Amino acid sequence: MEQNINNEDDYLPEILQKYKGKNPFLVPENYFQHLSDQLIAEANVATLIQNTSEQAVPQNYFESFYDNLNTTILIDDIKSSAKDEDFKVPENYFDSLSQIAY
């Protein structure tokens, strides 16, 4: 049963009348292209918000971070610049050391 209604826009809700026969529910171009990534990111953020106890920072972490970082960098520099022959220990060195320690 088909009805022929003249000026059917007049019967639409006021908010839809401004579209004048155009579909106001069109999806923007490339809307679904990255949607799955966005949904996964939203789910991950929601999980992080719920599990705040897993995000606890160890005590004094930030106070000691700078020193720990500098120590790590220094150790890496020493390892990269040191040669194997620079750190050779004389034969039986540890044998005599254990006798001194007692």
PDB file of N, CA and C in Angstrom:
ATOM      1  N   MET A   1       0.847  -1.169   0.000  1.00  0.00           N
ATOM      2  CA  MET A   1       0.000   0.000   0.000  1.00  0.00           C
ATOM      3  C   MET A   1       0.895   1.235   0.000  1.00  0.00           C
ATOM      4  N   GLU A   2       0.961   1.871  -1.102  1.00  0.00           N
ATOM      5  CA  GLU A   2       1.828   3.028  -1.285  1.00  0.00           C
ATOM      6  C   GLU A   2       1.021   4.304  -1.090  1.00  0.00           C
ATOM      7  N   GLN A   3       1.582   5.187  -0.303  1.00  0.00           N
ATOM      8  CA  GLN A   3       0.905   6.458  -0.091  1.00  0.00           C
ATOM      9  C   GLN A   3       1.696   7.559  -0.765  1.00  0.00           C
ATOM     10  N   ASN A   4       1.007   8.441  -1.387  1.00  0.00           N
ATOM     11  CA  ASN A   4       1.641   9.579  -2.035  1.00  0.00           C
ATOM     12  C   ASN A   4       1.394  10.791  -1.152  1.00  0.00           C
ATOM     13  N   ILE A   5       2.422  11.172  -0.417  1.00  0.00           N
ATOM     14  CA  ILE A   5       2.287  12.308   0.499  1.00  0.00           C
ATOM     15  C   ILE A   5       3.101  13.457  -0.060  1.00  0.00           C
ATOM     16  N   ASN A   6       2.437  14.555  -0.291  1.00  0.00           N
ATOM     17  CA  ASN A   6       3.145  15.753  -0.743  1.00  0.00           C
ATOM     18  C   ASN A   6       3.805  16.414   0.467  1.00  0.00           C
ATOM     19  N   ASN A   7       4.982  16.930   0.241  1.00  0.00           N
ATOM     20  CA  ASN A   7       5.719  17.619   1.301  1.00  0.00           C
ATOM     21  C   ASN A   7       5.925  16.713   2.516  1.00  0.00           C
ATOM     22  N   GLU A   8       6.417  15.537   2.274  1.00  0.00           N
ATOM     23  CA  GLU A   8       6.601  14.594   3.386  1.00  0.00           C
ATOM     24  C   GLU A   8       7.614  15.085   4.414  1.00  0.00           C
ATOM     25  N   ASP A   9       8.511  16.009   4.019  1.00  0.00           N
ATOM     26  CA  ASP A   9       9.467  16.569   4.978  1.00  0.00           C
ATOM     27  C   ASP A   9       8.757  17.292   6.117  1.00  0.00           C
ATOM     28  N   ASP A  10       7.557  17.789   5.836  1.00  0.00           N
ATOM     29  CA  ASP A  10       6.806  18.504   6.871  1.00  0.00           C
ATOM     30  C   ASP A  10       6.379  17.573   8.000  1.00  0.00           C
ATOM     31  N   TYR A  11       6.346  16.280   7.734  1.00  0.00           N
ATOM     32  CA  TYR A  11       5.897  15.314   8.725  1.00  0.00           C
ATOM     33  C   TYR A  11       7.061  14.719   9.538  1.00  0.00           C
ATOM     34  N   LEU A  12       8.270  15.048   9.136  1.00  0.00           N
ATOM     35  CA  LEU A  12       9.445  14.554   9.859  1.00  0.00           C
ATOM     36  C   LEU A  12       9.665  15.365  11.124  1.00  0.00           C
ATOM     37  N   PRO A  13      10.378  14.786  12.077  1.00  0.00           N
ATOM     38  CA  PRO A  13      10.747  15.587  13.249  1.00  0.00           C
ATOM     39  C   PRO A  13      11.570  16.801  12.805  1.00  0.00           C
ATOM     40  N   GLU A  14      11.507  17.843  13.576  1.00  0.00           N
ATOM     41  CA  GLU A  14      12.128  19.116  13.207  1.00  0.00           C
ATOM     42  C   GLU A  14      13.622  18.976  12.913  1.00  0.00           C
ATOM     43  N   ILE A  15      14.301  18.155  13.682  1.00  0.00           N
ATOM     44  CA  ILE A  15      15.749  18.001  13.498  1.00  0.00           C
ATOM     45  C   ILE A  15      16.086  17.364  12.150  1.00  0.00           C
ATOM     46  N   LEU A  16      15.207  16.493  11.637  1.00  0.00           N
ATOM     47  CA  LEU A  16      15.464  15.852  10.346  1.00  0.00           C
ATOM     48  C   LEU A  16      14.991  16.703   9.170  1.00  0.00           C
ATOM     49  N   GLN A  17      14.141  17.671   9.411  1.00  0.00           N
ATOM     50  CA  GLN A  17      13.630  18.513   8.322  1.00  0.00           C
ATOM     51  C   GLN A  17      14.727  19.354   7.680  1.00  0.00           C
ATOM     52  N   LYS A  18      15.742  19.694   8.428  1.00  0.00           N
ATOM     53  CA  LYS A  18      16.808  20.545   7.870  1.00  0.00           C
ATOM     54  C   LYS A  18      17.649  19.827   6.819  1.00  0.00           C
ATOM     55  N   TYR A  19      17.569  18.481   6.732  1.00  0.00           N
ATOM     56  CA  TYR A  19      18.353  17.731   5.745  1.00  0.00           C
ATOM     57  C   TYR A  19      17.676  17.684   4.381  1.00  0.00           C
ATOM     58  N   LYS A  20      16.427  18.058   4.270  1.00  0.00           N
ATOM     59  CA  LYS A  20      15.686  18.199   3.008  1.00  0.00           C
ATOM     60  C   LYS A  20      15.882  17.023   2.049  1.00  0.00           C
ATOM     61  N   GLY A  21      15.505  15.846   2.471  1.00  0.00           N
ATOM     62  CA  GLY A  21      15.538  14.677   1.613  1.00  0.00           C
ATOM     63  C   GLY A  21      16.858  13.951   1.567  1.00  0.00           C
ATOM     64  N   LYS A  22      17.891  14.487   2.188  1.00  0.00           N
ATOM     65  CA  LYS A  22      19.175  13.803   2.225  1.00  0.00           C
ATOM     66  C   LYS A  22      19.200  12.861   3.424  1.00  0.00           C
ATOM     67  N   ASN A  23      19.975  11.820   3.317  1.00  0.00           N
ATOM     68  CA  ASN A  23      20.093  10.856   4.409  1.00  0.00           C
ATOM     69  C   ASN A  23      21.045  11.413   5.474  1.00  0.00           C
ATOM     70  N   PRO A  24      20.538  11.725   6.671  1.00  0.00           N
ATOM     71  CA  PRO A  24      21.407  12.281   7.704  1.00  0.00           C
ATOM     72  C   PRO A  24      22.238  11.221   8.419  1.00  0.00           C
ATOM     73  N   PHE A  25      22.017   9.970   8.079  1.00  0.00           N
ATOM     74  CA  PHE A  25      22.687   8.879   8.774  1.00  0.00           C
ATOM     75  C   PHE A  25      23.807   8.257   7.951  1.00  0.00           C
ATOM     76  N   LEU A  26      24.334   9.002   6.998  1.00  0.00           N
ATOM     77  CA  LEU A  26      25.444   8.494   6.200  1.00  0.00           C
ATOM     78  C   LEU A  26      26.696   8.401   7.060  1.00  0.00           C
ATOM     79  N   VAL A  27      27.478   7.389   6.797  1.00  0.00           N
ATOM     80  CA  VAL A  27      28.730   7.185   7.520  1.00  0.00           C
ATOM     81  C   VAL A  27      29.829   7.969   6.804  1.00  0.00           C
ATOM     82  N   PRO A  28      30.635   8.711   7.548  1.00  0.00           N
ATOM     83  CA  PRO A  28      31.724   9.462   6.899  1.00  0.00           C
ATOM     84  C   PRO A  28      32.674   8.537   6.139  1.00  0.00           C
ATOM     85  N   GLU A  29      33.307   9.083   5.132  1.00  0.00           N
ATOM     86  CA  GLU A  29      34.233   8.315   4.302  1.00  0.00           C
ATOM     87  C   GLU A  29      35.383   7.775   5.158  1.00  0.00           C
ATOM     88  N   ASN A  30      35.787   6.530   4.921  1.00  0.00           N
ATOM     89  CA  ASN A  30      36.861   5.821   5.647  1.00  0.00           C
ATOM     90  C   ASN A  30      36.575   5.659   7.143  1.00  0.00           C
ATOM     91  N   TYR A  31      35.306   5.705   7.532  1.00  0.00           N
ATOM     92  CA  TYR A  31      34.947   5.605   8.939  1.00  0.00           C
ATOM     93  C   TYR A  31      35.359   4.265   9.530  1.00  0.00           C
ATOM     94  N   PHE A  32      35.177   3.193   8.792  1.00  0.00           N
ATOM     95  CA  PHE A  32      35.462   1.862   9.320  1.00  0.00           C
ATOM     96  C   PHE A  32      36.899   1.419   9.082  1.00  0.00           C
ATOM     97  N   GLN A  33      37.695   2.214   8.419  1.00  0.00           N
ATOM     98  CA  GLN A  33      39.054   1.826   8.063  1.00  0.00           C
ATOM     99  C   GLN A  33      39.905   1.533   9.296  1.00  0.00           C
ATOM    100  N   HIS A  34      39.857   2.382  10.299  1.00  0.00           N
ATOM    101  CA  HIS A  34      40.670   2.195  11.500  1.00  0.00           C
ATOM    102  C   HIS A  34      39.813   1.910  12.731  1.00  0.00           C
ATOM    103  N   LEU A  35      38.571   1.542  12.508  1.00  0.00           N
ATOM    104  CA  LEU A  35      37.660   1.352  13.624  1.00  0.00           C
ATOM    105  C   LEU A  35      38.089   0.220  14.541  1.00  0.00           C
ATOM    106  N   SER A  36      38.563  -0.895  13.980  1.00  0.00           N
ATOM    107  CA  SER A  36      38.954  -2.023  14.834  1.00  0.00           C
ATOM    108  C   SER A  36      40.126  -1.638  15.729  1.00  0.00           C
ATOM    109  N   ASP A  37      41.087  -0.883  15.211  1.00  0.00           N
ATOM    110  CA  ASP A  37      42.211  -0.410  16.029  1.00  0.00           C
ATOM    111  C   ASP A  37      41.723   0.501  17.148  1.00  0.00           C
ATOM    112  N   GLN A  38      40.768   1.366  16.828  1.00  0.00           N
ATOM    113  CA  GLN A  38      40.235   2.278  17.829  1.00  0.00           C
ATOM    114  C   GLN A  38      39.492   1.520  18.924  1.00  0.00           C
ATOM    115  N   LEU A  39      38.721   0.497  18.524  1.00  0.00           N
ATOM    116  CA  LEU A  39      37.979  -0.287  19.514  1.00  0.00           C
ATOM    117  C   LEU A  39      38.924  -1.044  20.438  1.00  0.00           C
ATOM    118  N   ILE A  40      39.985  -1.612  19.883  1.00  0.00           N
ATOM    119  CA  ILE A  40      40.967  -2.337  20.699  1.00  0.00           C
ATOM    120  C   ILE A  40      41.650  -1.367  21.661  1.00  0.00           C
ATOM    121  N   ALA A  41      41.996  -0.181  21.180  1.00  0.00           N
ATOM    122  CA  ALA A  41      42.632   0.819  22.041  1.00  0.00           C
ATOM    123  C   ALA A  41      41.696   1.239  23.165  1.00  0.00           C
ATOM    124  N   GLU A  42      40.426   1.444  22.848  1.00  0.00           N
ATOM    125  CA  GLU A  42      39.452   1.816  23.882  1.00  0.00           C
ATOM    126  C   GLU A  42      39.322   0.704  24.921  1.00  0.00           C
ATOM    127  N   ALA A  43      39.300  -0.542  24.477  1.00  0.00           N
ATOM    128  CA  ALA A  43      39.199  -1.669  25.406  1.00  0.00           C
ATOM    129  C   ALA A  43      40.436  -1.743  26.292  1.00  0.00           C
ATOM    130  N   ASN A  44      41.612  -1.504  25.724  1.00  0.00           N
ATOM    131  CA  ASN A  44      42.843  -1.528  26.513  1.00  0.00           C
ATOM    132  C   ASN A  44      42.864  -0.416  27.556  1.00  0.00           C
ATOM    133  N   VAL A  45      42.401   0.763  27.173  1.00  0.00           N
ATOM    134  CA  VAL A  45      42.350   1.873  28.121  1.00  0.00           C
ATOM    135  C   VAL A  45      41.374   1.558  29.253  1.00  0.00           C
ATOM    136  N   ALA A  46      40.226   0.991  28.903  1.00  0.00           N
ATOM    137  CA  ALA A  46      39.242   0.633  29.923  1.00  0.00           C
ATOM    138  C   ALA A  46      39.812  -0.407  30.882  1.00  0.00           C
ATOM    139  N   THR A  47      40.565  -1.362  30.366  1.00  0.00           N
ATOM    140  CA  THR A  47      41.185  -2.385  31.210  1.00  0.00           C
ATOM    141  C   THR A  47      42.213  -1.756  32.142  1.00  0.00           C
ATOM    142  N   LEU A  48      43.013  -0.832  31.627  1.00  0.00           N
ATOM    143  CA  LEU A  48      44.010  -0.158  32.458  1.00  0.00           C
ATOM    144  C   LEU A  48      43.358   0.646  33.577  1.00  0.00           C
ATOM    145  N   ILE A  49      42.247   1.291  33.261  1.00  0.00           N
ATOM    146  CA  ILE A  49      41.557   2.094  34.268  1.00  0.00           C
ATOM    147  C   ILE A  49      41.008   1.189  35.370  1.00  0.00           C
ATOM    148  N   GLN A  50      40.503   0.025  34.996  1.00  0.00           N
ATOM    149  CA  GLN A  50      39.943  -0.897  35.988  1.00  0.00           C
ATOM    150  C   GLN A  50      41.029  -1.543  36.839  1.00  0.00           C
ATOM    151  N   ASN A  51      42.199  -1.800  36.273  1.00  0.00           N
ATOM    152  CA  ASN A  51      43.273  -2.505  36.980  1.00  0.00           C
ATOM    153  C   ASN A  51      44.362  -1.542  37.420  1.00  0.00           C
ATOM    154  N   THR A  52      43.990  -0.549  38.198  1.00  0.00           N
ATOM    155  CA  THR A  52      44.984   0.449  38.610  1.00  0.00           C
ATOM    156  C   THR A  52      46.002  -0.135  39.575  1.00  0.00           C
ATOM    157  N   SER A  53      45.664  -1.218  40.267  1.00  0.00           N
ATOM    158  CA  SER A  53      46.619  -1.804  41.211  1.00  0.00           C
ATOM    159  C   SER A  53      47.826  -2.390  40.491  1.00  0.00           C
ATOM    160  N   GLU A  54      47.650  -2.808  39.245  1.00  0.00           N
ATOM    161  CA  GLU A  54      48.765  -3.361  38.468  1.00  0.00           C
ATOM    162  C   GLU A  54      49.725  -2.264  38.012  1.00  0.00           C
ATOM    163  N   GLN A  55      49.318  -1.024  38.133  1.00  0.00           N
ATOM    164  CA  GLN A  55      50.139   0.083  37.669  1.00  0.00           C
ATOM    165  C   GLN A  55      50.945   0.702  38.803  1.00  0.00           C
ATOM    166  N   ALA A  56      50.979   0.055  39.931  1.00  0.00           N
ATOM    167  CA  ALA A  56      51.683   0.620  41.084  1.00  0.00           C
ATOM    168  C   ALA A  56      53.173   0.763  40.771  1.00  0.00           C
ATOM    169  N   VAL A  57      53.719   1.890  41.156  1.00  0.00           N
ATOM    170  CA  VAL A  57      55.139   2.171  40.947  1.00  0.00           C
ATOM    171  C   VAL A  57      55.878   1.817  42.237  1.00  0.00           C
ATOM    172  N   PRO A  58      56.999   1.115  42.136  1.00  0.00           N
ATOM    173  CA  PRO A  58      57.753   0.772  43.353  1.00  0.00           C
ATOM    174  C   PRO A  58      58.134   2.023  44.148  1.00  0.00           C
ATOM    175  N   GLN A  59      58.256   1.847  45.443  1.00  0.00           N
ATOM    176  CA  GLN A  59      58.601   2.960  46.315  1.00  0.00           C
ATOM    177  C   GLN A  59      59.964   3.539  45.918  1.00  0.00           C
ATOM    178  N   ASN A  60      60.078   4.844  45.914  1.00  0.00           N
ATOM    179  CA  ASN A  60      61.295   5.601  45.554  1.00  0.00           C
ATOM    180  C   ASN A  60      61.761   5.336  44.121  1.00  0.00           C
ATOM    181  N   TYR A  61      60.860   4.895  43.263  1.00  0.00           N
ATOM    182  CA  TYR A  61      61.251   4.592  41.881  1.00  0.00           C
ATOM    183  C   TYR A  61      61.771   5.843  41.172  1.00  0.00           C
ATOM    184  N   PHE A  62      61.022   6.923  41.265  1.00  0.00           N
ATOM    185  CA  PHE A  62      61.406   8.126  40.535  1.00  0.00           C
ATOM    186  C   PHE A  62      62.605   8.830  41.174  1.00  0.00           C
ATOM    187  N   GLU A  63      62.738   8.710  42.484  1.00  0.00           N
ATOM    188  CA  GLU A  63      63.871   9.332  43.158  1.00  0.00           C
ATOM    189  C   GLU A  63      65.184   8.657  42.748  1.00  0.00           C
ATOM    190  N   SER A  64      65.156   7.345  42.561  1.00  0.00           N
ATOM    191  CA  SER A  64      66.383   6.613  42.241  1.00  0.00           C
ATOM    192  C   SER A  64      66.543   6.343  40.740  1.00  0.00           C
ATOM    193  N   PHE A  65      65.549   6.717  39.950  1.00  0.00           N
ATOM    194  CA  PHE A  65      65.594   6.404  38.518  1.00  0.00           C
ATOM    195  C   PHE A  65      66.802   7.032  37.829  1.00  0.00           C
ATOM    196  N   TYR A  66      67.066   8.306  38.121  1.00  0.00           N
ATOM    197  CA  TYR A  66      68.161   9.014  37.469  1.00  0.00           C
ATOM    198  C   TYR A  66      69.499   8.341  37.776  1.00  0.00           C
ATOM    199  N   ASP A  67      69.713   7.979  39.037  1.00  0.00           N
ATOM    200  CA  ASP A  67      70.970   7.319  39.419  1.00  0.00           C
ATOM    201  C   ASP A  67      71.085   5.951  38.760  1.00  0.00           C
ATOM    202  N   ASN A  68      69.983   5.201  38.745  1.00  0.00           N
ATOM    203  CA  ASN A  68      70.003   3.873  38.117  1.00  0.00           C
ATOM    204  C   ASN A  68      70.271   3.968  36.618  1.00  0.00           C
ATOM    205  N   LEU A  69      69.682   4.971  35.995  1.00  0.00           N
ATOM    206  CA  LEU A  69      69.886   5.163  34.560  1.00  0.00           C
ATOM    207  C   LEU A  69      71.340   5.516  34.267  1.00  0.00           C
ATOM    208  N   ASN A  70      71.902   6.428  35.048  1.00  0.00           N
ATOM    209  CA  ASN A  70      73.309   6.808  34.844  1.00  0.00           C
ATOM    210  C   ASN A  70      74.239   5.625  35.087  1.00  0.00           C
ATOM    211  N   THR A  71      73.938   4.815  36.089  1.00  0.00           N
ATOM    212  CA  THR A  71      74.758   3.636  36.366  1.00  0.00           C
ATOM    213  C   THR A  71      74.687   2.655  35.202  1.00  0.00           C
ATOM    214  N   THR A  72      73.495   2.452  34.676  1.00  0.00           N
ATOM    215  CA  THR A  72      73.331   1.537  33.541  1.00  0.00           C
ATOM    216  C   THR A  72      74.097   2.046  32.326  1.00  0.00           C
ATOM    217  N   ILE A  73      74.008   3.323  32.065  1.00  0.00           N
ATOM    218  CA  ILE A  73      74.731   3.909  30.929  1.00  0.00           C
ATOM    219  C   ILE A  73      76.234   3.767  31.134  1.00  0.00           C
ATOM    220  N   LEU A  74      76.698   4.036  32.349  1.00  0.00           N
ATOM    221  CA  LEU A  74      78.119   3.930  32.655  1.00  0.00           C
ATOM    222  C   LEU A  74      78.610   2.497  32.467  1.00  0.00           C
ATOM    223  N   ILE A  75      77.861   1.525  32.948  1.00  0.00           N
ATOM    224  CA  ILE A  75      78.237   0.110  32.796  1.00  0.00           C
ATOM    225  C   ILE A  75      78.291  -0.263  31.320  1.00  0.00           C
ATOM    226  N   ASP A  76      77.304   0.200  30.546  1.00  0.00           N
ATOM    227  CA  ASP A  76      77.310  -0.085  29.107  1.00  0.00           C
ATOM    228  C   ASP A  76      78.524   0.543  28.423  1.00  0.00           C
ATOM    229  N   ASP A  77      78.866   1.759  28.826  1.00  0.00           N
ATOM    230  CA  ASP A  77      80.044   2.422  28.247  1.00  0.00           C
ATOM    231  C   ASP A  77      81.320   1.652  28.576  1.00  0.00           C
ATOM    232  N   ILE A  78      81.434   1.196  29.822  1.00  0.00           N
ATOM    233  CA  ILE A  78      82.626   0.450  30.228  1.00  0.00           C
ATOM    234  C   ILE A  78      82.710  -0.865  29.467  1.00  0.00           C
ATOM    235  N   LYS A  79      81.582  -1.547  29.350  1.00  0.00           N
ATOM    236  CA  LYS A  79      81.577  -2.830  28.630  1.00  0.00           C
ATOM    237  C   LYS A  79      81.959  -2.647  27.169  1.00  0.00           C
ATOM    238  N   SER A  80      81.473  -1.580  26.560  1.00  0.00           N
ATOM    239  CA  SER A  80      81.773  -1.386  25.142  1.00  0.00           C
ATOM    240  C   SER A  80      83.212  -0.926  24.914  1.00  0.00           C
ATOM    241  N   SER A  81      83.794  -0.228  25.890  1.00  0.00           N
ATOM    242  CA  SER A  81      85.152   0.274  25.688  1.00  0.00           C
ATOM    243  C   SER A  81      86.222  -0.676  26.225  1.00  0.00           C
ATOM    244  N   ALA A  82      85.853  -1.594  27.092  1.00  0.00           N
ATOM    245  CA  ALA A  82      86.841  -2.504  27.697  1.00  0.00           C
ATOM    246  C   ALA A  82      87.205  -3.621  26.728  1.00  0.00           C
ATOM    247  N   LYS A  83      88.433  -4.007  26.780  1.00  0.00           N
ATOM    248  CA  LYS A  83      88.914  -5.113  25.957  1.00  0.00           C
ATOM    249  C   LYS A  83      89.034  -6.341  26.847  1.00  0.00           C
ATOM    250  N   ASP A  84      88.961  -7.487  26.244  1.00  0.00           N
ATOM    251  CA  ASP A  84      89.031  -8.728  27.021  1.00  0.00           C
ATOM    252  C   ASP A  84      90.353  -8.831  27.794  1.00  0.00           C
ATOM    253  N   GLU A  85      91.436  -8.400  27.187  1.00  0.00           N
ATOM    254  CA  GLU A  85      92.728  -8.557  27.850  1.00  0.00           C
ATOM    255  C   GLU A  85      92.912  -7.561  29.003  1.00  0.00           C
ATOM    256  N   ASP A  86      92.064  -6.539  29.105  1.00  0.00           N
ATOM    257  CA  ASP A  86      92.174  -5.571  30.199  1.00  0.00           C
ATOM    258  C   ASP A  86      91.782  -6.177  31.544  1.00  0.00           C
ATOM    259  N   PHE A  87      91.000  -7.221  31.531  1.00  0.00           N
ATOM    260  CA  PHE A  87      90.476  -7.771  32.776  1.00  0.00           C
ATOM    261  C   PHE A  87      90.892  -9.217  33.012  1.00  0.00           C
ATOM    262  N   LYS A  88      92.084  -9.577  32.619  1.00  0.00           N
ATOM    263  CA  LYS A  88      92.568 -10.932  32.869  1.00  0.00           C
ATOM    264  C   LYS A  88      93.083 -11.029  34.296  1.00  0.00           C
ATOM    265  N   VAL A  89      92.758 -12.111  34.929  1.00  0.00           N
ATOM    266  CA  VAL A  89      93.179 -12.349  36.315  1.00  0.00           C
ATOM    267  C   VAL A  89      94.356 -13.314  36.280  1.00  0.00           C
ATOM    268  N   PRO A  90      95.373 -13.060  37.082  1.00  0.00           N
ATOM    269  CA  PRO A  90      96.519 -13.981  37.101  1.00  0.00           C
ATOM    270  C   PRO A  90      96.097 -15.380  37.542  1.00  0.00           C
ATOM    271  N   GLU A  91      96.870 -16.361  37.120  1.00  0.00           N
ATOM    272  CA  GLU A  91      96.582 -17.751  37.512  1.00  0.00           C
ATOM    273  C   GLU A  91      96.603 -17.880  39.018  1.00  0.00           C
ATOM    274  N   ASN A  92      95.732 -18.715  39.563  1.00  0.00           N
ATOM    275  CA  ASN A  92      95.618 -19.014  40.993  1.00  0.00           C
ATOM    276  C   ASN A  92      95.315 -17.776  41.845  1.00  0.00           C
ATOM    277  N   TYR A  93      94.812 -16.733  41.245  1.00  0.00           N
ATOM    278  CA  TYR A  93      94.513 -15.505  41.985  1.00  0.00           C
ATOM    279  C   TYR A  93      93.461 -15.755  43.056  1.00  0.00           C
ATOM    280  N   PHE A  94      92.399 -16.441  42.695  1.00  0.00           N
ATOM    281  CA  PHE A  94      91.319 -16.664  43.644  1.00  0.00           C
ATOM    282  C   PHE A  94      91.685 -17.684  44.719  1.00  0.00           C
ATOM    283  N   ASP A  95      92.629 -18.556  44.441  1.00  0.00           N
ATOM    284  CA  ASP A  95      93.061 -19.503  45.466  1.00  0.00           C
ATOM    285  C   ASP A  95      93.705 -18.770  46.632  1.00  0.00           C
ATOM    286  N   SER A  96      94.595 -17.868  46.343  1.00  0.00           N
ATOM    287  CA  SER A  96      95.266 -17.128  47.401  1.00  0.00           C
ATOM    288  C   SER A  96      94.324 -16.136  48.085  1.00  0.00           C
ATOM    289  N   LEU A  97      93.334 -15.650  47.340  1.00  0.00           N
ATOM    290  CA  LEU A  97      92.391 -14.706  47.900  1.00  0.00           C
ATOM    291  C   LEU A  97      91.523 -15.368  48.975  1.00  0.00           C
ATOM    292  N   SER A  98      91.151 -16.611  48.764  1.00  0.00           N
ATOM    293  CA  SER A  98      90.307 -17.273  49.749  1.00  0.00           C
ATOM    294  C   SER A  98      91.080 -17.545  51.043  1.00  0.00           C
ATOM    295  N   GLN A  99      92.376 -17.741  50.962  1.00  0.00           N
ATOM    296  CA  GLN A  99      93.184 -17.946  52.167  1.00  0.00           C
ATOM    297  C   GLN A  99      93.297 -16.662  52.963  1.00  0.00           C
ATOM    298  N   ILE A 100      93.342 -15.533  52.299  1.00  0.00           N
ATOM    299  CA  ILE A 100      93.446 -14.255  52.986  1.00  0.00           C
ATOM    300  C   ILE A 100      92.133 -13.906  53.667  1.00  0.00           C
ATOM    301  N   ALA A 101      91.020 -14.256  53.052  1.00  0.00           N
ATOM    302  CA  ALA A 101      89.717 -13.907  53.570  1.00  0.00           C
ATOM    303  C   ALA A 101      89.384 -14.623  54.875  1.00  0.00           C
ATOM    304  N   TYR A 102      89.934 -15.782  55.108  1.00  0.00           N
ATOM    305  CA  TYR A 102      89.633 -16.523  56.339  1.00  0.00           C
ATOM    306  C   TYR A 102      90.425 -15.969  57.435  1.00  0.00           C
TER     307      TYR A 102
END
